[in-house]
């Protein structure tokens, strides 16, 4: 399993738009992806799960990936998570 640490930077909090971008990026890969924030872990194939996270700007998160393209998938998710906006 691959684990990449990141800092949430997408606005002040996790919005439906950001959650949709995360889910869309996750769909491009075969790896199973999870996001961990504030002690809660959810799969990135669940929009409702993503929205349940309480990510705020500056919050440390972990991206977990398992599968043949896990490294690339985790890096793509990190780009979304850390994007300022």
PDB file of N, CA and C in Angstrom:
ATOM      1  N   UNK A   1       0.844  -1.178   0.000  1.00  0.00           N
ATOM      2  CA  UNK A   1       0.000   0.000   0.000  1.00  0.00           C
ATOM      3  C   UNK A   1       0.892   1.245   0.000  1.00  0.00           C
ATOM      4  N   UNK A   2       0.502   2.212  -0.794  1.00  0.00           N
ATOM      5  CA  UNK A   2       1.212   3.475  -0.900  1.00  0.00           C
ATOM      6  C   UNK A   2       0.495   4.490  -0.028  1.00  0.00           C
ATOM      7  N   UNK A   3       1.292   5.282   0.687  1.00  0.00           N
ATOM      8  CA  UNK A   3       0.729   6.327   1.544  1.00  0.00           C
ATOM      9  C   UNK A   3       1.487   7.617   1.244  1.00  0.00           C
ATOM     10  N   UNK A   4       0.755   8.653   0.868  1.00  0.00           N
ATOM     11  CA  UNK A   4       1.355   9.957   0.587  1.00  0.00           C
ATOM     12  C   UNK A   4       0.689  10.985   1.496  1.00  0.00           C
ATOM     13  N   UNK A   5       1.515  11.762   2.169  1.00  0.00           N
ATOM     14  CA  UNK A   5       1.013  12.831   3.027  1.00  0.00           C
ATOM     15  C   UNK A   5       0.852  14.098   2.192  1.00  0.00           C
ATOM     16  N   UNK A   6      -0.137  14.897   2.518  1.00  0.00           N
ATOM     17  CA  UNK A   6      -0.381  16.156   1.822  1.00  0.00           C
ATOM     18  C   UNK A   6      -1.031  17.133   2.794  1.00  0.00           C
ATOM     19  N   UNK A   7      -1.135  18.372   2.369  1.00  0.00           N
ATOM     20  CA  UNK A   7      -1.817  19.402   3.152  1.00  0.00           C
ATOM     21  C   UNK A   7      -2.949  19.942   2.296  1.00  0.00           C
ATOM     22  N   UNK A   8      -4.153  19.934   2.854  1.00  0.00           N
ATOM     23  CA  UNK A   8      -5.323  20.386   2.116  1.00  0.00           C
ATOM     24  C   UNK A   8      -5.205  21.879   1.817  1.00  0.00           C
ATOM     25  N   UNK A   9      -5.366  22.244   0.555  1.00  0.00           N
ATOM     26  CA  UNK A   9      -5.225  23.632   0.167  1.00  0.00           C
ATOM     27  C   UNK A   9      -6.324  24.137  -0.748  1.00  0.00           C
ATOM     28  N   UNK A  10      -7.371  23.355  -0.944  1.00  0.00           N
ATOM     29  CA  UNK A  10      -8.458  23.707  -1.882  1.00  0.00           C
ATOM     30  C   UNK A  10      -9.507  24.572  -1.213  1.00  0.00           C
ATOM     31  N   UNK A  11      -9.231  25.837  -1.021  1.00  0.00           N
ATOM     32  CA  UNK A  11     -10.217  26.695  -0.380  1.00  0.00           C
ATOM     33  C   UNK A  11     -10.268  26.469   1.116  1.00  0.00           C
ATOM     34  N   UNK A  12     -11.234  27.110   1.744  1.00  0.00           N
ATOM     35  CA  UNK A  12     -11.330  27.049   3.201  1.00  0.00           C
ATOM     36  C   UNK A  12     -11.825  25.706   3.712  1.00  0.00           C
ATOM     37  N   UNK A  13     -12.645  25.026   2.923  1.00  0.00           N
ATOM     38  CA  UNK A  13     -13.158  23.717   3.344  1.00  0.00           C
ATOM     39  C   UNK A  13     -13.450  22.869   2.112  1.00  0.00           C
ATOM     40  N   UNK A  14     -13.747  21.596   2.351  1.00  0.00           N
ATOM     41  CA  UNK A  14     -14.032  20.664   1.271  1.00  0.00           C
ATOM     42  C   UNK A  14     -15.432  20.939   0.725  1.00  0.00           C
ATOM     43  N   UNK A  15     -15.508  21.296  -0.543  1.00  0.00           N
ATOM     44  CA  UNK A  15     -16.775  21.634  -1.173  1.00  0.00           C
ATOM     45  C   UNK A  15     -17.234  20.492  -2.075  1.00  0.00           C
ATOM     46  N   UNK A  16     -18.487  20.470  -2.483  1.00  0.00           N
ATOM     47  CA  UNK A  16     -18.951  19.453  -3.429  1.00  0.00           C
ATOM     48  C   UNK A  16     -18.153  19.460  -4.732  1.00  0.00           C
ATOM     49  N   UNK A  17     -17.712  20.643  -5.180  1.00  0.00           N
ATOM     50  CA  UNK A  17     -16.914  20.730  -6.401  1.00  0.00           C
ATOM     51  C   UNK A  17     -15.587  19.994  -6.247  1.00  0.00           C
ATOM     52  N   UNK A  18     -14.908  20.211  -5.133  1.00  0.00           N
ATOM     53  CA  UNK A  18     -13.630  19.536  -4.883  1.00  0.00           C
ATOM     54  C   UNK A  18     -13.861  18.031  -4.730  1.00  0.00           C
ATOM     55  N   UNK A  19     -14.906  17.655  -4.022  1.00  0.00           N
ATOM     56  CA  UNK A  19     -15.221  16.233  -3.851  1.00  0.00           C
ATOM     57  C   UNK A  19     -15.454  15.569  -5.215  1.00  0.00           C
ATOM     58  N   UNK A  20     -16.161  16.254  -6.093  1.00  0.00           N
ATOM     59  CA  UNK A  20     -16.412  15.710  -7.434  1.00  0.00           C
ATOM     60  C   UNK A  20     -15.114  15.580  -8.218  1.00  0.00           C
ATOM     61  N   UNK A  21     -14.215  16.569  -8.096  1.00  0.00           N
ATOM     62  CA  UNK A  21     -12.917  16.475  -8.788  1.00  0.00           C
ATOM     63  C   UNK A  21     -12.115  15.291  -8.272  1.00  0.00           C
ATOM     64  N   UNK A  22     -12.123  15.079  -6.960  1.00  0.00           N
ATOM     65  CA  UNK A  22     -11.403  13.934  -6.390  1.00  0.00           C
ATOM     66  C   UNK A  22     -11.961  12.614  -6.926  1.00  0.00           C
ATOM     67  N   UNK A  23     -13.284  12.485  -6.936  1.00  0.00           N
ATOM     68  CA  UNK A  23     -13.916  11.262  -7.425  1.00  0.00           C
ATOM     69  C   UNK A  23     -13.630  11.050  -8.909  1.00  0.00           C
ATOM     70  N   UNK A  24     -13.642  12.128  -9.695  1.00  0.00           N
ATOM     71  CA  UNK A  24     -13.376  12.025 -11.129  1.00  0.00           C
ATOM     72  C   UNK A  24     -11.942  11.579 -11.394  1.00  0.00           C
ATOM     73  N   UNK A  25     -10.999  12.143 -10.665  1.00  0.00           N
ATOM     74  CA  UNK A  25      -9.602  11.736 -10.824  1.00  0.00           C
ATOM     75  C   UNK A  25      -9.435  10.280 -10.399  1.00  0.00           C
ATOM     76  N   UNK A  26     -10.052   9.897  -9.298  1.00  0.00           N
ATOM     77  CA  UNK A  26      -9.945   8.518  -8.812  1.00  0.00           C
ATOM     78  C   UNK A  26     -10.473   7.509  -9.825  1.00  0.00           C
ATOM     79  N   UNK A  27     -11.512   7.887 -10.565  1.00  0.00           N
ATOM     80  CA  UNK A  27     -12.102   6.973 -11.565  1.00  0.00           C
ATOM     81  C   UNK A  27     -11.143   6.644 -12.700  1.00  0.00           C
ATOM     82  N   UNK A  28     -10.160   7.474 -12.930  1.00  0.00           N
ATOM     83  CA  UNK A  28      -9.212   7.267 -14.031  1.00  0.00           C
ATOM     84  C   UNK A  28      -8.227   6.130 -13.770  1.00  0.00           C
ATOM     85  N   UNK A  29      -8.173   5.660 -12.535  1.00  0.00           N
ATOM     86  CA  UNK A  29      -7.171   4.678 -12.145  1.00  0.00           C
ATOM     87  C   UNK A  29      -7.829   3.388 -11.668  1.00  0.00           C
ATOM     88  N   UNK A  30      -7.074   2.318 -11.772  1.00  0.00           N
ATOM     89  CA  UNK A  30      -7.569   1.028 -11.309  1.00  0.00           C
ATOM     90  C   UNK A  30      -7.326   0.833  -9.814  1.00  0.00           C
ATOM     91  N   UNK A  31      -6.390   1.572  -9.273  1.00  0.00           N
ATOM     92  CA  UNK A  31      -6.043   1.437  -7.852  1.00  0.00           C
ATOM     93  C   UNK A  31      -7.235   1.806  -6.970  1.00  0.00           C
ATOM     94  N   UNK A  32      -7.285   1.176  -5.819  1.00  0.00           N
ATOM     95  CA  UNK A  32      -8.277   1.564  -4.815  1.00  0.00           C
ATOM     96  C   UNK A  32      -7.670   2.720  -4.023  1.00  0.00           C
ATOM     97  N   UNK A  33      -8.408   3.811  -3.947  1.00  0.00           N
ATOM     98  CA  UNK A  33      -7.903   5.017  -3.298  1.00  0.00           C
ATOM     99  C   UNK A  33      -8.740   5.377  -2.088  1.00  0.00           C
ATOM    100  N   UNK A  34      -8.038   5.803  -1.043  1.00  0.00           N
ATOM    101  CA  UNK A  34      -8.703   6.272   0.167  1.00  0.00           C
ATOM    102  C   UNK A  34      -8.057   7.580   0.591  1.00  0.00           C
ATOM    103  N   UNK A  35      -8.835   8.387   1.283  1.00  0.00           N
ATOM    104  CA  UNK A  35      -8.344   9.649   1.817  1.00  0.00           C
ATOM    105  C   UNK A  35      -8.601   9.636   3.317  1.00  0.00           C
ATOM    106  N   UNK A  36      -7.582  10.007   4.075  1.00  0.00           N
ATOM    107  CA  UNK A  36      -7.685  10.039   5.532  1.00  0.00           C
ATOM    108  C   UNK A  36      -7.508  11.485   5.987  1.00  0.00           C
ATOM    109  N   UNK A  37      -8.457  11.954   6.781  1.00  0.00           N
ATOM    110  CA  UNK A  37      -8.431  13.334   7.266  1.00  0.00           C
ATOM    111  C   UNK A  37      -9.046  13.368   8.662  1.00  0.00           C
ATOM    112  N   UNK A  38      -8.335  13.947   9.599  1.00  0.00           N
ATOM    113  CA  UNK A  38      -8.821  14.086  10.978  1.00  0.00           C
ATOM    114  C   UNK A  38      -9.285  12.760  11.570  1.00  0.00           C
ATOM    115  N   UNK A  39      -8.530  11.700  11.312  1.00  0.00           N
ATOM    116  CA  UNK A  39      -8.831  10.401  11.887  1.00  0.00           C
ATOM    117  C   UNK A  39      -9.907   9.604  11.186  1.00  0.00           C
ATOM    118  N   UNK A  40     -10.470  10.133  10.121  1.00  0.00           N
ATOM    119  CA  UNK A  40     -11.519   9.429   9.379  1.00  0.00           C
ATOM    120  C   UNK A  40     -10.978   9.053   8.008  1.00  0.00           C
ATOM    121  N   UNK A  41     -11.281   7.832   7.567  1.00  0.00           N
ATOM    122  CA  UNK A  41     -10.812   7.352   6.273  1.00  0.00           C
ATOM    123  C   UNK A  41     -12.002   6.961   5.402  1.00  0.00           C
ATOM    124  N   UNK A  42     -11.984   7.457   4.149  1.00  0.00           N
ATOM    125  CA  UNK A  42     -13.063   7.123   3.213  1.00  0.00           C
ATOM    126  C   UNK A  42     -12.472   6.731   1.865  1.00  0.00           C
ATOM    127  N   UNK A  43     -13.231   5.938   1.137  1.00  0.00           N
ATOM    128  CA  UNK A  43     -12.835   5.564  -0.224  1.00  0.00           C
ATOM    129  C   UNK A  43     -13.193   6.701  -1.166  1.00  0.00           C
ATOM    130  N   UNK A  44     -12.363   6.916  -2.167  1.00  0.00           N
ATOM    131  CA  UNK A  44     -12.588   8.012  -3.087  1.00  0.00           C
ATOM    132  C   UNK A  44     -13.559   7.668  -4.205  1.00  0.00           C
ATOM    133  N   UNK A  45     -14.172   6.504  -4.136  1.00  0.00           N
ATOM    134  CA  UNK A  45     -15.226   6.184  -5.103  1.00  0.00           C
ATOM    135  C   UNK A  45     -16.605   6.496  -4.511  1.00  0.00           C
ATOM    136  N   UNK A  46     -16.615   7.106  -3.332  1.00  0.00           N
ATOM    137  CA  UNK A  46     -17.861   7.465  -2.665  1.00  0.00           C
ATOM    138  C   UNK A  46     -17.939   8.972  -2.470  1.00  0.00           C
ATOM    139  N   UNK A  47     -18.735   9.633  -3.301  1.00  0.00           N
ATOM    140  CA  UNK A  47     -18.878  11.082  -3.204  1.00  0.00           C
ATOM    141  C   UNK A  47     -19.422  11.490  -1.836  1.00  0.00           C
ATOM    142  N   UNK A  48     -20.382  10.746  -1.332  1.00  0.00           N
ATOM    143  CA  UNK A  48     -20.944  11.034  -0.005  1.00  0.00           C
ATOM    144  C   UNK A  48     -19.864  10.872   1.063  1.00  0.00           C
ATOM    145  N   UNK A  49     -19.056   9.834   0.941  1.00  0.00           N
ATOM    146  CA  UNK A  49     -17.969   9.622   1.886  1.00  0.00           C
ATOM    147  C   UNK A  49     -16.980  10.771   1.879  1.00  0.00           C
ATOM    148  N   UNK A  50     -16.603  11.214   0.673  1.00  0.00           N
ATOM    149  CA  UNK A  50     -15.661  12.323   0.556  1.00  0.00           C
ATOM    150  C   UNK A  50     -16.235  13.568   1.229  1.00  0.00           C
ATOM    151  N   UNK A  51     -17.501  13.833   0.968  1.00  0.00           N
ATOM    152  CA  UNK A  51     -18.137  15.025   1.555  1.00  0.00           C
ATOM    153  C   UNK A  51     -18.247  14.950   3.075  1.00  0.00           C
ATOM    154  N   UNK A  52     -18.186  13.759   3.630  1.00  0.00           N
ATOM    155  CA  UNK A  52     -18.284  13.612   5.084  1.00  0.00           C
ATOM    156  C   UNK A  52     -16.989  13.999   5.798  1.00  0.00           C
ATOM    157  N   UNK A  53     -15.898  14.142   5.052  1.00  0.00           N
ATOM    158  CA  UNK A  53     -14.629  14.528   5.668  1.00  0.00           C
ATOM    159  C   UNK A  53     -14.659  16.001   6.063  1.00  0.00           C
ATOM    160  N   UNK A  54     -13.981  16.307   7.131  1.00  0.00           N
ATOM    161  CA  UNK A  54     -13.929  17.694   7.607  1.00  0.00           C
ATOM    162  C   UNK A  54     -12.557  18.289   7.308  1.00  0.00           C
ATOM    163  N   UNK A  55     -12.249  18.377   6.027  1.00  0.00           N
ATOM    164  CA  UNK A  55     -10.966  18.950   5.617  1.00  0.00           C
ATOM    165  C   UNK A  55     -11.088  20.469   5.532  1.00  0.00           C
ATOM    166  N   UNK A  56     -10.140  21.129   6.107  1.00  0.00           N
ATOM    167  CA  UNK A  56     -10.053  22.591   6.063  1.00  0.00           C
ATOM    168  C   UNK A  56      -8.654  22.950   5.555  1.00  0.00           C
ATOM    169  N   UNK A  57      -8.521  24.149   5.026  1.00  0.00           N
ATOM    170  CA  UNK A  57      -7.209  24.584   4.539  1.00  0.00           C
ATOM    171  C   UNK A  57      -6.170  24.410   5.646  1.00  0.00           C
ATOM    172  N   UNK A  58      -5.057  23.792   5.274  1.00  0.00           N
ATOM    173  CA  UNK A  58      -3.970  23.553   6.218  1.00  0.00           C
ATOM    174  C   UNK A  58      -4.036  22.226   6.946  1.00  0.00           C
ATOM    175  N   UNK A  59      -5.133  21.489   6.773  1.00  0.00           N
ATOM    176  CA  UNK A  59      -5.287  20.181   7.424  1.00  0.00           C
ATOM    177  C   UNK A  59      -4.383  19.154   6.753  1.00  0.00           C
ATOM    178  N   UNK A  60      -3.697  18.362   7.558  1.00  0.00           N
ATOM    179  CA  UNK A  60      -2.880  17.275   7.011  1.00  0.00           C
ATOM    180  C   UNK A  60      -3.795  16.119   6.633  1.00  0.00           C
ATOM    181  N   UNK A  61      -3.562  15.568   5.461  1.00  0.00           N
ATOM    182  CA  UNK A  61      -4.327  14.424   4.981  1.00  0.00           C
ATOM    183  C   UNK A  61      -3.362  13.358   4.487  1.00  0.00           C
ATOM    184  N   UNK A  62      -3.858  12.143   4.391  1.00  0.00           N
ATOM    185  CA  UNK A  62      -3.075  11.049   3.829  1.00  0.00           C
ATOM    186  C   UNK A  62      -3.871  10.435   2.683  1.00  0.00           C
ATOM    187  N   UNK A  63      -3.169  10.173   1.606  1.00  0.00           N
ATOM    188  CA  UNK A  63      -3.755   9.511   0.445  1.00  0.00           C
ATOM    189  C   UNK A  63      -3.210   8.094   0.443  1.00  0.00           C
ATOM    190  N   UNK A  64      -4.107   7.129   0.425  1.00  0.00           N
ATOM    191  CA  UNK A  64      -3.704   5.728   0.427  1.00  0.00           C
ATOM    192  C   UNK A  64      -4.140   5.089  -0.878  1.00  0.00           C
ATOM    193  N   UNK A  65      -3.236   4.337  -1.485  1.00  0.00           N
ATOM    194  CA  UNK A  65      -3.535   3.711  -2.771  1.00  0.00           C
ATOM    195  C   UNK A  65      -3.012   2.289  -2.780  1.00  0.00           C
ATOM    196  N   UNK A  66      -3.801   1.422  -3.371  1.00  0.00           N
ATOM    197  CA  UNK A  66      -3.379   0.029  -3.516  1.00  0.00           C
ATOM    198  C   UNK A  66      -3.773  -0.439  -4.902  1.00  0.00           C
ATOM    199  N   UNK A  67      -2.797  -0.952  -5.629  1.00  0.00           N
ATOM    200  CA  UNK A  67      -3.053  -1.440  -6.973  1.00  0.00           C
ATOM    201  C   UNK A  67      -1.890  -1.126  -7.891  1.00  0.00           C
ATOM    202  N   UNK A  68      -1.967  -1.639  -9.096  1.00  0.00           N
ATOM    203  CA  UNK A  68      -0.845  -1.534 -10.030  1.00  0.00           C
ATOM    204  C   UNK A  68      -0.490  -0.097 -10.401  1.00  0.00           C
ATOM    205  N   UNK A  69      -1.451   0.795 -10.444  1.00  0.00           N
ATOM    206  CA  UNK A  69      -1.169   2.194 -10.767  1.00  0.00           C
ATOM    207  C   UNK A  69      -1.348   3.100  -9.542  1.00  0.00           C
ATOM    208  N   UNK A  70      -1.134   2.526  -8.382  1.00  0.00           N
ATOM    209  CA  UNK A  70      -1.351   3.239  -7.136  1.00  0.00           C
ATOM    210  C   UNK A  70      -0.504   4.484  -6.963  1.00  0.00           C
ATOM    211  N   UNK A  71       0.763   4.423  -7.335  1.00  0.00           N
ATOM    212  CA  UNK A  71       1.640   5.585  -7.171  1.00  0.00           C
ATOM    213  C   UNK A  71       1.150   6.757  -8.021  1.00  0.00           C
ATOM    214  N   UNK A  72       0.853   6.494  -9.279  1.00  0.00           N
ATOM    215  CA  UNK A  72       0.371   7.546 -10.176  1.00  0.00           C
ATOM    216  C   UNK A  72      -0.969   8.093  -9.692  1.00  0.00           C
ATOM    217  N   UNK A  73      -1.834   7.216  -9.226  1.00  0.00           N
ATOM    218  CA  UNK A  73      -3.150   7.632  -8.745  1.00  0.00           C
ATOM    219  C   UNK A  73      -3.014   8.521  -7.520  1.00  0.00           C
ATOM    220  N   UNK A  74      -2.174   8.126  -6.580  1.00  0.00           N
ATOM    221  CA  UNK A  74      -1.984   8.912  -5.359  1.00  0.00           C
ATOM    222  C   UNK A  74      -1.392  10.282  -5.674  1.00  0.00           C
ATOM    223  N   UNK A  75      -0.464  10.337  -6.610  1.00  0.00           N
ATOM    224  CA  UNK A  75       0.136  11.619  -6.998  1.00  0.00           C
ATOM    225  C   UNK A  75      -0.911  12.532  -7.645  1.00  0.00           C
ATOM    226  N   UNK A  76      -1.777  11.967  -8.466  1.00  0.00           N
ATOM    227  CA  UNK A  76      -2.828  12.762  -9.115  1.00  0.00           C
ATOM    228  C   UNK A  76      -3.801  13.318  -8.075  1.00  0.00           C
ATOM    229  N   UNK A  77      -4.143  12.514  -7.085  1.00  0.00           N
ATOM    230  CA  UNK A  77      -5.035  12.973  -6.017  1.00  0.00           C
ATOM    231  C   UNK A  77      -4.350  14.072  -5.203  1.00  0.00           C
ATOM    232  N   UNK A  78      -3.051  13.895  -4.938  1.00  0.00           N
ATOM    233  CA  UNK A  78      -2.320  14.914  -4.178  1.00  0.00           C
ATOM    234  C   UNK A  78      -2.347  16.255  -4.908  1.00  0.00           C
ATOM    235  N   UNK A  79      -2.230  16.244  -6.228  1.00  0.00           N
ATOM    236  CA  UNK A  79      -2.290  17.502  -6.988  1.00  0.00           C
ATOM    237  C   UNK A  79      -3.621  18.225  -6.762  1.00  0.00           C
ATOM    238  N   UNK A  80      -4.713  17.477  -6.713  1.00  0.00           N
ATOM    239  CA  UNK A  80      -6.024  18.085  -6.473  1.00  0.00           C
ATOM    240  C   UNK A  80      -6.093  18.624  -5.045  1.00  0.00           C
ATOM    241  N   UNK A  81      -5.658  17.831  -4.090  1.00  0.00           N
ATOM    242  CA  UNK A  81      -5.736  18.183  -2.668  1.00  0.00           C
ATOM    243  C   UNK A  81      -4.941  19.446  -2.351  1.00  0.00           C
ATOM    244  N   UNK A  82      -3.746  19.568  -2.933  1.00  0.00           N
ATOM    245  CA  UNK A  82      -2.876  20.665  -2.578  1.00  0.00           C
ATOM    246  C   UNK A  82      -3.096  21.930  -3.406  1.00  0.00           C
ATOM    247  N   UNK A  83      -3.936  21.853  -4.421  1.00  0.00           N
ATOM    248  CA  UNK A  83      -4.159  23.001  -5.287  1.00  0.00           C
ATOM    249  C   UNK A  83      -4.799  24.143  -4.505  1.00  0.00           C
ATOM    250  N   UNK A  84      -4.209  25.289  -4.622  1.00  0.00           N
ATOM    251  CA  UNK A  84      -4.748  26.483  -3.955  1.00  0.00           C
ATOM    252  C   UNK A  84      -5.913  27.020  -4.768  1.00  0.00           C
ATOM    253  N   UNK A  85      -6.953  27.414  -4.081  1.00  0.00           N
ATOM    254  CA  UNK A  85      -8.075  27.957  -4.830  1.00  0.00           C
ATOM    255  C   UNK A  85      -9.259  28.280  -3.994  1.00  0.00           C
TER     256      UNK A  85
END
